[in-house]
Protein backbone atom coordinates (compact mmCIF):
# COMPACT_ATOMS: atom_id res chain seq x y z
CA UNK A 1 14.35 10.72 77.95
CA UNK A 2 14.71 7.69 75.25
CA UNK A 3 13.81 8.43 71.78
CA UNK A 4 10.79 6.89 70.45
CA UNK A 5 9.97 4.60 67.90
CA UNK A 6 9.13 6.92 64.67
CA UNK A 7 5.82 6.01 64.43
CA UNK A 8 4.93 7.01 68.10
CA UNK A 9 7.24 9.97 67.66
CA UNK A 10 4.81 11.21 64.92
CA UNK A 11 1.59 10.87 66.92
CA UNK A 12 2.96 12.54 69.80
CA UNK A 13 4.19 14.63 67.85
CA UNK A 14 0.67 14.87 66.31
CA UNK A 15 -0.83 15.64 69.97
CA UNK A 16 1.75 18.31 70.89
CA UNK A 17 0.36 20.65 67.97
CA UNK A 18 -3.35 20.41 69.60
CA UNK A 19 -4.63 22.33 72.19
CA UNK A 20 -7.22 21.51 74.86
CA UNK A 21 -10.24 19.76 74.08
CA UNK A 22 -8.80 19.10 70.89
CA UNK A 23 -6.48 16.54 72.24
CA UNK A 24 -9.55 14.54 73.30
CA UNK A 25 -11.10 14.94 70.09
CA UNK A 26 -8.20 13.42 68.56
CA UNK A 27 -7.84 10.83 71.20
CA UNK A 28 -11.82 9.82 69.99
CA UNK A 29 -10.94 9.89 66.60
CA UNK A 30 -8.39 7.19 66.99
CA UNK A 31 -10.52 5.29 68.72
CA UNK A 32 -12.55 4.60 65.65
CA UNK A 33 -9.30 3.60 63.49
CA UNK A 34 -8.56 0.71 65.90
CA UNK A 35 -9.08 -2.07 63.18
CA UNK A 36 -10.97 -4.93 64.16
CA UNK A 37 -9.72 -8.45 64.98
CA UNK A 38 -8.63 -10.80 61.67
CA UNK A 39 -10.85 -13.65 61.53
CA UNK A 40 -8.11 -16.28 62.19
CA UNK A 41 -7.48 -14.51 65.52
CA UNK A 42 -11.34 -13.87 66.36
CA UNK A 43 -11.63 -17.56 66.59
CA UNK A 44 -9.08 -17.86 69.33
CA UNK A 45 -9.56 -14.77 70.95
CA UNK A 46 -9.17 -16.39 74.43
CA UNK A 47 -5.75 -17.29 73.42
CA UNK A 48 -5.28 -13.12 73.60
CA UNK A 49 -3.80 -11.48 76.81
CA UNK A 50 -5.88 -9.47 79.06
CA UNK A 51 -4.94 -6.20 80.43
CA UNK A 52 -6.21 -6.58 84.06
CA UNK A 53 -5.20 -3.26 85.28
CA UNK A 54 -7.31 -1.50 82.80
CA UNK A 55 -11.53 -1.22 84.00
CA UNK A 56 -12.03 -1.21 80.63
CA UNK A 57 -11.49 -5.05 79.16
CA UNK A 58 -7.98 -4.56 76.71
CA UNK A 59 -7.34 -8.13 75.01
CA UNK A 60 -3.67 -8.00 73.26
CA UNK A 61 -1.61 -10.43 70.99
CA UNK A 62 1.32 -10.09 69.63
CA UNK A 63 3.52 -12.26 66.80
CA UNK A 64 6.94 -11.96 65.48
CA UNK A 65 7.44 -11.73 62.04
CA UNK A 66 10.32 -13.40 60.30
CA UNK A 67 11.55 -10.39 60.57
CA UNK A 68 12.26 -10.14 64.32
CA UNK A 69 9.68 -7.59 64.49
CA UNK A 70 6.10 -7.53 66.62
CA UNK A 71 2.97 -6.79 65.37
CA UNK A 72 -0.09 -6.63 67.61
CA UNK A 73 -3.37 -7.28 67.34
CA UNK A 74 -6.35 -5.16 70.31
CA UNK A 75 -9.41 -6.07 71.17
CA UNK A 76 -11.15 -3.09 73.15
CA UNK A 77 -15.48 -2.80 73.24
CA UNK A 78 -16.45 0.34 71.47
CA UNK A 79 -17.95 1.31 74.89
CA UNK A 80 -14.39 2.13 75.97
CA UNK A 81 -13.26 5.31 73.45
CA UNK A 82 -10.34 6.33 75.14
CA UNK A 83 -8.99 3.62 75.97
CA UNK A 84 -9.43 2.47 72.01
CA UNK A 85 -7.81 5.86 71.35
CA UNK A 86 -4.91 4.17 73.93
CA UNK A 87 -5.22 0.96 72.16
CA UNK A 88 -4.63 2.63 68.44
CA UNK A 89 -1.51 4.92 69.59
CA UNK A 90 0.15 2.04 70.85
CA UNK A 91 -0.73 -0.23 68.03
CA UNK A 92 0.02 2.05 65.28
CA UNK A 93 3.09 3.02 67.20
CA UNK A 94 4.61 0.40 68.23
CA UNK A 95 3.38 -2.29 65.77
CA UNK A 96 6.85 -3.20 63.56
CA UNK A 97 9.33 -2.59 66.22
CA UNK A 98 11.22 -5.38 67.85
CA UNK A 99 11.09 -6.48 71.22
CA UNK A 100 13.90 -4.61 72.53
CA UNK A 101 12.66 -1.15 70.77
CA UNK A 102 9.22 -1.78 72.45
CA UNK A 103 10.83 -2.19 75.81
CA UNK A 104 13.11 1.08 75.50
CA UNK A 105 9.58 3.23 75.31
CA UNK A 106 9.21 4.90 78.67
CA UNK A 107 6.03 4.17 80.52
CA UNK A 108 5.22 7.83 80.68
CA UNK A 109 5.77 8.48 76.86
CA UNK A 110 2.33 10.00 77.01
CA UNK A 111 3.15 13.13 78.66
CA UNK A 112 4.65 14.28 76.03
CA UNK A 113 1.14 14.20 74.70
CA UNK A 114 -0.37 16.15 77.03
CA UNK A 115 -3.04 14.40 77.83
CA UNK A 116 -2.60 14.98 81.41
CA UNK A 117 -4.60 18.45 80.22
CA UNK A 118 -7.69 16.83 79.22
CA UNK A 119 -7.54 13.42 81.27
CA UNK A 120 -7.27 12.54 84.93
CA UNK A 121 -4.73 10.82 86.24
CA UNK A 122 -6.60 7.47 87.13
CA UNK A 123 -7.55 7.80 83.30
CA UNK A 124 -4.36 8.32 82.04
CA UNK A 125 -2.87 4.91 83.91
CA UNK A 126 -4.73 2.85 81.68
CA UNK A 127 -2.29 4.19 78.31
CA UNK A 128 0.80 2.95 80.82
CA UNK A 129 -0.66 -0.85 81.84
CA UNK A 130 -1.51 -1.26 78.49
CA UNK A 131 1.97 -0.44 76.97
CA UNK A 132 3.86 -2.34 80.02
CA UNK A 133 1.72 -5.43 79.16
CA UNK A 134 2.51 -5.16 75.48
CA UNK A 135 6.31 -4.97 76.36
CA UNK A 136 5.65 -8.13 78.25
CA UNK A 137 3.85 -9.75 75.24
CA UNK A 138 6.23 -8.30 73.12
CA UNK A 139 8.85 -10.35 74.67
CA UNK A 140 7.01 -13.58 74.37
CA UNK A 141 5.86 -13.51 70.87
CA UNK A 142 5.78 -16.43 69.21
CA UNK A 143 6.28 -16.70 64.99
CA UNK A 144 3.85 -15.88 62.73
CA UNK A 145 4.37 -18.55 61.32
CA UNK A 146 3.26 -20.94 63.90
CA UNK A 147 0.04 -19.64 63.46
CA UNK A 148 -1.29 -21.72 60.75
């Protein structure tokens, strides 16, 4: 298995220390950490990409910093706490990485977290779908300097 980016690996390891229901509780805690969209993006929310494979509405926006690293912005309604948790894992774990590093993350990296012990396969499909979408938007990200 390929190596995960440092921040994502740390999240995976954090989940590895938990057992059973603790994993789900931590996922829900992460959902509360998803930051709101910045004002400049709220005004252009319709320019965000939607992850159509998810039953919960997930919107992703990526921009490339001057050093080539990708910054992600995500919007998921509070009514989808599990998916908000996925979004937080991926946003925190992948923002600041290059598109090539993001592309190298295995789609099923989440199996290392043991989430399959507490969530159904159908629910777990969401995190893989979001990751695959993030890989696509990262590859197409425009420079942050073009935002203005």
